[in-house]
Amino acid sequence: MYRSILLPLDGSSSAEAALPIACAWASRAQAALHLVHVHAPSALAPIHIAGLPVIDEQLHPRSREHEQGYLERIKMRLATSDPHVSVKTAVVDGSHETGRDASIAYGLAHYAEANGCDLIVMTTHGRGGFSRFWLGSVAAALTAIAHQPIVFVRLPPLERDRDAAVVRRMLIPLDGSALAEQIIEPAARLGNLLQSDYTLLHVVEPLIMFGPAPFTAGTDLDPEGTQEQVEDARAHLEQVAEPLRALGVNVQVLVKIAEHPAKAILNVALEHNIDLIAMATHGRSGLSRLVVGSVADKVLRGTELPMLLYRPQQ
């Protein structure tokens, strides 16, 4: 179960779109819900009169008070809708040694570590509110440094007949590597809370048959070699599924042949009426984006479903 869930807010309705999911999961887990805003001092140039700068010393603290008041209003609203959820609020500072987006990510990651947060839930972007705040680069920067799994809620909100906080079917794409399989523990933790069924998916890219001369371009597919990879992948997925099934969980294994893994994952999610996709992703060192062109990055950009991402530990 979870002890505490972190929900970053930037003052925009876009960021608040993740509130229902985070609140519902915190209530079910009897976990504390942390509403956190990263304070970003105004970058506006000071006003000058007769060549002398005029600085309002009260501007900075008033800004923080405004941000804290916003979080307290959200807390009061949640207390009315679900009084059983323990809600904590905090306005924190980012790093002063990095750019704006990285500063926000550092502030959130530091708070999550210091307060023992088990899960982060957030929208991938938001505009308005106090500032131009989370864009894709903030989400990517946080994914690259946070030790916690992160559930991203895409915008616009998914229009479905059922509650988006309900995850009956979870899709877990794997590629046979130990790094990719590190998603299983955080995915199973969330799935256990929500009583989800799992579909383990491995996408096999078709093998190409090369000519006898070196460096010749492939012109024909290798069906026998591809089928051998399919059988190996299915056997490995069955091994991965075995301990989950031993716990009484319903697990389906699926192997697809496709040239574009991300597209195949999105198609499977649609065909199997998936509610959430869970994937491991390896962020580059430092605070760069998710690996550009990576399968996880493409799936995140292409799906409207909530997506659980976890940075594998080397």
Protein backbone atom coordinates (compact mmCIF):
# COMPACT_ATOMS: atom_id res chain seq x y z
CA MET A 1 0.00 0.00 0.00
CA TYR A 2 0.95 3.66 -0.16
CA ARG A 3 1.73 5.91 2.78
CA SER A 4 1.64 9.21 0.92
CA ILE A 5 0.89 10.45 -2.60
CA LEU A 6 2.31 13.67 -4.04
CA LEU A 7 0.20 15.85 -6.33
CA PRO A 8 2.01 18.87 -7.85
CA LEU A 9 -0.23 21.88 -8.51
CA ASP A 10 0.58 25.07 -10.39
CA GLY A 11 -2.62 27.05 -9.95
CA SER A 12 -4.10 25.95 -13.26
CA SER A 13 -7.23 23.91 -13.97
CA SER A 14 -5.06 21.69 -16.14
CA ALA A 15 -2.89 20.59 -13.21
CA GLU A 16 -6.01 20.12 -11.08
CA ALA A 17 -7.34 17.55 -13.57
CA ALA A 18 -5.30 14.92 -11.70
CA LEU A 19 -7.04 15.73 -8.38
CA PRO A 20 -9.89 13.17 -8.67
CA ILE A 21 -7.50 10.30 -9.41
CA ALA A 22 -4.99 11.22 -6.71
CA CYS A 23 -7.71 11.77 -4.12
CA ALA A 24 -9.52 8.52 -4.93
CA TRP A 25 -6.30 6.49 -4.71
CA ALA A 26 -5.23 8.19 -1.48
CA SER A 27 -8.63 7.46 0.03
CA ARG A 28 -8.51 3.82 -0.98
CA ALA A 29 -4.97 3.37 0.33
CA GLN A 30 -5.65 5.46 3.47
CA ALA A 31 -2.59 7.47 2.43
CA ALA A 32 -1.83 11.12 3.00
CA LEU A 33 -2.27 13.34 -0.05
CA HIS A 34 0.41 16.03 -0.40
CA LEU A 35 -0.55 19.08 -2.47
CA VAL A 36 2.71 20.79 -3.42
CA HIS A 37 3.45 23.99 -5.28
CA VAL A 38 6.99 25.00 -6.29
CA HIS A 39 7.47 28.71 -5.73
CA ALA A 40 9.12 30.50 -8.63
CA PRO A 41 10.06 34.14 -7.86
CA SER A 42 8.94 36.66 -10.45
CA ALA A 43 11.43 37.22 -13.23
CA LEU A 44 10.01 40.64 -14.09
CA ALA A 45 12.52 43.49 -14.14
CA PRO A 46 12.19 46.04 -11.30
CA ILE A 47 10.48 49.37 -11.95
CA HIS A 48 12.84 52.36 -12.23
CA ILE A 49 12.14 55.98 -11.26
CA ALA A 50 14.74 58.59 -12.12
CA GLY A 51 17.29 55.86 -12.70
CA LEU A 52 16.76 54.28 -9.27
CA PRO A 53 15.27 50.79 -8.88
CA VAL A 54 12.09 50.58 -6.85
CA ILE A 55 11.75 47.16 -5.25
CA ASP A 56 8.65 46.11 -3.32
CA GLU A 57 10.06 44.06 -0.45
CA GLN A 58 6.57 42.67 0.24
CA LEU A 59 6.04 41.31 -3.27
CA HIS A 60 7.92 38.03 -2.73
CA PRO A 61 6.28 37.00 0.59
CA ARG A 62 2.85 38.05 -0.69
CA SER A 63 3.32 35.78 -3.66
CA ARG A 64 4.07 32.83 -1.38
CA GLU A 65 1.03 33.66 0.76
CA HIS A 66 -1.12 33.71 -2.36
CA GLU A 67 0.21 30.30 -3.42
CA GLN A 68 -0.29 28.81 0.05
CA GLY A 69 -3.81 30.19 0.17
CA TYR A 70 -4.57 28.52 -3.15
CA LEU A 71 -3.45 25.14 -1.80
CA GLU A 72 -5.50 25.64 1.37
CA ARG A 73 -8.62 26.32 -0.72
CA ILE A 74 -8.05 23.08 -2.62
CA LYS A 75 -7.60 21.30 0.71
CA MET A 76 -10.91 22.66 1.99
CA ARG A 77 -12.63 21.59 -1.21
CA LEU A 78 -11.29 18.05 -0.85
CA ALA A 79 -12.34 17.93 2.81
CA THR A 80 -15.91 18.50 1.67
CA SER A 81 -15.84 15.82 -1.03
CA ASP A 82 -13.90 13.20 0.95
CA PRO A 83 -13.33 14.04 4.63
CA HIS A 84 -11.47 10.77 5.22
CA VAL A 85 -8.44 11.80 3.14
CA SER A 86 -5.59 13.37 5.09
CA VAL A 87 -4.41 16.35 3.01
CA LYS A 88 -1.14 18.20 3.56
CA THR A 89 -0.08 21.36 1.71
CA ALA A 90 3.33 22.87 1.04
CA VAL A 91 4.88 25.66 -0.99
CA VAL A 92 8.51 24.75 -1.61
CA ASP A 93 11.48 26.33 -3.35
CA GLY A 94 13.19 24.92 -6.41
CA SER A 95 16.88 24.83 -7.15
CA HIS A 96 18.54 28.20 -7.85
CA GLU A 97 21.33 26.59 -9.88
CA THR A 98 19.23 25.27 -12.75
CA GLY A 99 16.75 26.50 -15.33
CA ARG A 100 13.10 27.09 -14.48
CA ASP A 101 11.72 23.68 -15.47
CA ALA A 102 14.60 21.80 -13.86
CA SER A 103 14.21 23.95 -10.73
CA ILE A 104 10.57 22.89 -10.41
CA ALA A 105 11.49 19.23 -10.90
CA TYR A 106 14.23 19.44 -8.25
CA GLY A 107 11.82 21.03 -5.77
CA LEU A 108 9.26 18.29 -6.28
CA ALA A 109 11.81 15.46 -6.17
CA HIS A 110 13.37 16.82 -2.98
CA TYR A 111 9.98 17.13 -1.29
CA ALA A 112 9.00 13.59 -2.34
CA GLU A 113 12.21 12.18 -0.83
CA ALA A 114 12.06 14.22 2.36
CA ASN A 115 8.44 13.31 3.04
CA GLY A 116 8.54 9.65 2.06
CA CYS A 117 6.09 9.94 -0.82
CA ASP A 118 5.47 6.60 -2.53
CA LEU A 119 3.78 7.83 -5.70
CA ILE A 120 3.56 11.04 -7.72
CA VAL A 121 0.41 11.83 -9.71
CA MET A 122 0.37 14.79 -12.10
CA THR A 123 -0.81 16.08 -15.43
CA THR A 124 1.81 16.31 -18.15
CA HIS A 125 1.26 20.02 -18.70
CA GLY A 126 -0.69 23.01 -17.54
CA ARG A 127 -0.99 26.66 -18.49
CA GLY A 128 -2.43 29.57 -16.58
CA GLY A 129 -2.73 29.88 -12.83
CA PHE A 130 0.27 31.56 -11.23
CA SER A 131 2.64 31.11 -14.13
CA ARG A 132 3.52 29.20 -17.24
CA PHE A 133 4.41 26.16 -15.23
CA TRP A 134 4.57 22.46 -16.07
CA LEU A 135 5.28 21.81 -19.69
CA GLY A 136 6.50 18.49 -21.07
CA SER A 137 10.05 19.38 -20.07
CA VAL A 138 9.10 19.60 -16.38
CA ALA A 139 7.48 16.17 -16.47
CA ALA A 140 10.48 14.74 -18.29
CA ALA A 141 12.93 16.35 -15.88
CA LEU A 142 11.05 14.94 -12.90
CA THR A 143 10.96 11.48 -14.47
CA ALA A 144 14.72 11.65 -14.92
CA ILE A 145 15.49 12.36 -11.24
CA ALA A 146 12.60 11.10 -9.11
CA HIS A 147 12.97 7.76 -7.35
CA GLN A 148 9.20 7.34 -7.15
CA PRO A 149 6.95 6.02 -9.91
CA ILE A 150 4.90 8.76 -11.56
CA VAL A 151 1.39 8.51 -12.96
CA PHE A 152 0.81 11.03 -15.74
CA VAL A 153 -2.73 12.10 -16.52
CA ARG A 154 -3.01 13.35 -20.07
CA LEU A 155 -4.93 16.42 -21.20
CA PRO A 156 -7.54 16.96 -22.38
CA PRO A 157 -9.14 14.64 -19.80
CA LEU A 158 -10.15 11.30 -21.21
CA GLU A 159 -13.86 11.10 -21.92
CA ARG A 160 -14.99 7.69 -20.72
CA ASP A 161 -18.14 6.15 -19.38
CA ARG A 162 -16.41 5.11 -16.14
CA ASP A 163 -14.25 6.73 -13.52
CA ALA A 164 -10.66 7.27 -14.71
CA ALA A 165 -9.45 6.38 -11.21
CA VAL A 166 -10.71 2.83 -11.73
CA VAL A 167 -8.04 0.64 -13.34
CA ARG A 168 -9.54 -2.72 -14.17
CA ARG A 169 -7.01 -3.59 -16.87
CA MET A 170 -3.36 -2.56 -16.80
CA LEU A 171 -1.01 -2.99 -19.76
CA ILE A 172 2.67 -3.63 -18.94
CA PRO A 173 4.92 -3.63 -22.04
CA LEU A 174 8.22 -5.47 -21.55
CA ASP A 175 11.18 -6.09 -23.84
CA GLY A 176 12.91 -8.97 -22.06
CA SER A 177 15.45 -6.75 -20.29
CA ALA A 178 15.99 -6.52 -16.54
CA LEU A 179 15.65 -2.73 -16.73
CA ALA A 180 12.21 -2.91 -18.34
CA GLU A 181 11.04 -5.44 -15.76
CA GLN A 182 11.71 -3.02 -12.90
CA ILE A 183 8.26 -1.59 -13.69
CA ILE A 184 6.61 -4.78 -12.43
CA GLU A 185 6.94 -3.99 -8.71
CA PRO A 186 5.46 -0.45 -8.85
CA ALA A 187 2.81 -1.59 -11.34
CA ALA A 188 1.83 -4.52 -9.11
CA ARG A 189 1.71 -2.21 -6.10
CA LEU A 190 -0.78 0.07 -7.82
CA GLY A 191 -2.65 -2.88 -9.32
CA ASN A 192 -2.97 -4.51 -5.92
CA LEU A 193 -4.55 -1.33 -4.56
CA LEU A 194 -6.98 -1.09 -7.46
CA GLN A 195 -7.52 -4.85 -7.93
CA SER A 196 -6.43 -4.71 -11.54
CA ASP A 197 -5.89 -7.44 -14.10
CA TYR A 198 -2.61 -7.36 -16.05
CA THR A 199 -1.64 -7.83 -19.66
CA LEU A 200 2.09 -8.40 -20.16
CA LEU A 201 3.06 -7.43 -23.70
CA HIS A 202 6.23 -8.03 -25.68
CA VAL A 203 6.49 -6.51 -29.15
CA VAL A 204 8.85 -8.45 -31.43
CA GLU A 205 10.23 -6.58 -34.39
CA PRO A 206 10.34 -8.78 -37.51
CA LEU A 207 13.80 -10.04 -38.42
CA ILE A 208 15.20 -9.27 -41.85
CA MET A 209 17.15 -11.75 -43.94
CA PHE A 210 20.43 -10.31 -45.24
CA GLY A 211 22.25 -11.31 -48.40
CA PRO A 212 25.57 -13.19 -48.41
CA ALA A 213 27.71 -10.11 -49.14
CA PRO A 214 28.60 -7.86 -46.20
CA PHE A 215 26.69 -4.61 -45.80
CA THR A 216 23.97 -5.65 -48.23
CA ALA A 217 20.57 -4.26 -47.51
CA GLY A 218 17.92 -6.70 -46.30
CA THR A 219 15.13 -7.34 -48.74
CA ASP A 220 13.26 -10.31 -47.25
CA LEU A 221 11.79 -11.06 -43.87
CA ASP A 222 13.04 -13.99 -41.83
CA PRO A 223 9.79 -15.66 -40.68
CA GLU A 224 11.52 -18.60 -38.98
CA GLY A 225 13.86 -16.40 -37.00
CA THR A 226 11.02 -14.05 -36.08
CA GLN A 227 8.83 -16.93 -34.93
CA GLU A 228 11.67 -18.23 -32.77
CA GLN A 229 11.89 -14.83 -31.08
CA VAL A 230 8.12 -14.85 -30.57
CA GLU A 231 8.27 -18.22 -28.82
CA ASP A 232 11.18 -17.10 -26.64
CA ALA A 233 9.35 -13.91 -25.73
CA ARG A 234 6.17 -15.78 -24.83
CA ALA A 235 8.09 -18.25 -22.66
CA HIS A 236 9.81 -15.40 -20.85
CA LEU A 237 6.52 -13.56 -20.25
CA GLU A 238 5.06 -16.74 -18.76
CA GLN A 239 7.99 -16.85 -16.33
CA VAL A 240 7.39 -13.23 -15.37
CA ALA A 241 3.65 -13.88 -14.95
CA GLU A 242 4.09 -16.94 -12.73
CA PRO A 243 4.78 -15.16 -9.40
CA LEU A 244 1.94 -12.72 -10.06
CA ARG A 245 -0.49 -15.53 -10.74
CA ALA A 246 0.67 -17.27 -7.58
CA LEU A 247 -0.76 -14.28 -5.71
CA GLY A 248 -4.14 -14.86 -7.32
CA VAL A 249 -3.82 -12.11 -9.92
CA ASN A 250 -5.31 -12.51 -13.38
CA VAL A 251 -2.40 -12.13 -15.84
CA GLN A 252 -2.57 -12.41 -19.63
CA VAL A 253 0.56 -12.66 -21.77
CA LEU A 254 0.62 -11.32 -25.29
CA VAL A 255 3.28 -11.22 -28.00
CA LYS A 256 2.85 -9.05 -31.09
CA ILE A 257 4.99 -8.79 -34.22
CA ALA A 258 5.34 -5.18 -35.35
CA GLU A 259 7.91 -2.87 -36.90
CA HIS A 260 6.97 -0.01 -34.58
CA PRO A 261 6.69 -1.09 -30.91
CA ALA A 262 5.10 2.14 -29.66
CA LYS A 263 2.34 1.98 -32.26
CA ALA A 264 1.73 -1.69 -31.41
CA ILE A 265 1.45 -0.86 -27.70
CA LEU A 266 -1.10 1.87 -28.41
CA ASN A 267 -3.11 -0.48 -30.63
CA VAL A 268 -3.15 -3.22 -27.97
CA ALA A 269 -4.29 -0.70 -25.36
CA LEU A 270 -7.21 0.25 -27.59
CA GLU A 271 -8.12 -3.31 -28.62
CA HIS A 272 -8.04 -4.68 -25.07
CA ASN A 273 -9.86 -1.75 -23.43
CA ILE A 274 -6.87 -0.94 -21.22
CA ASP A 275 -7.30 1.61 -18.43
CA LEU A 276 -3.63 2.39 -17.66
CA ILE A 277 -0.25 1.70 -19.28
CA ALA A 278 2.78 1.03 -17.06
CA MET A 279 6.31 1.24 -18.45
CA ALA A 280 9.89 1.63 -17.29
CA THR A 281 11.87 4.37 -18.94
CA HIS A 282 15.51 5.32 -18.67
CA GLY A 283 16.04 9.07 -18.42
CA ARG A 284 19.34 10.51 -19.57
CA SER A 285 21.75 11.64 -16.89
CA GLY A 286 21.12 15.03 -15.38
CA LEU A 287 17.89 16.81 -16.22
CA SER A 288 17.44 16.12 -19.91
CA ARG A 289 14.24 14.85 -21.50
CA LEU A 290 13.16 11.29 -21.67
CA VAL A 291 15.30 9.58 -24.27
CA VAL A 292 14.07 11.22 -27.44
CA GLY A 293 12.42 8.69 -29.70
CA SER A 294 12.26 6.05 -26.96
CA VAL A 295 9.28 3.74 -26.92
CA ALA A 296 8.08 5.09 -23.56
CA ASP A 297 8.30 8.67 -24.83
CA LYS A 298 6.30 7.83 -27.96
CA VAL A 299 3.64 5.96 -26.00
CA LEU A 300 3.29 8.83 -23.51
CA ARG A 301 2.83 11.27 -26.37
CA GLY A 302 0.39 9.01 -28.22
CA THR A 303 -1.97 7.82 -25.49
CA GLU A 304 -4.84 9.54 -23.73
CA LEU A 305 -4.75 6.94 -20.95
CA PRO A 306 -3.11 7.51 -17.58
CA MET A 307 0.45 6.23 -17.75
CA LEU A 308 2.67 4.96 -14.95
CA LEU A 309 6.35 5.64 -15.60
CA TYR A 310 9.28 4.48 -13.51
CA ARG A 311 12.95 5.25 -13.98
CA PRO A 312 14.91 1.99 -13.68
CA GLN A 313 17.65 1.90 -11.08
CA GLN A 314 20.95 0.92 -12.65
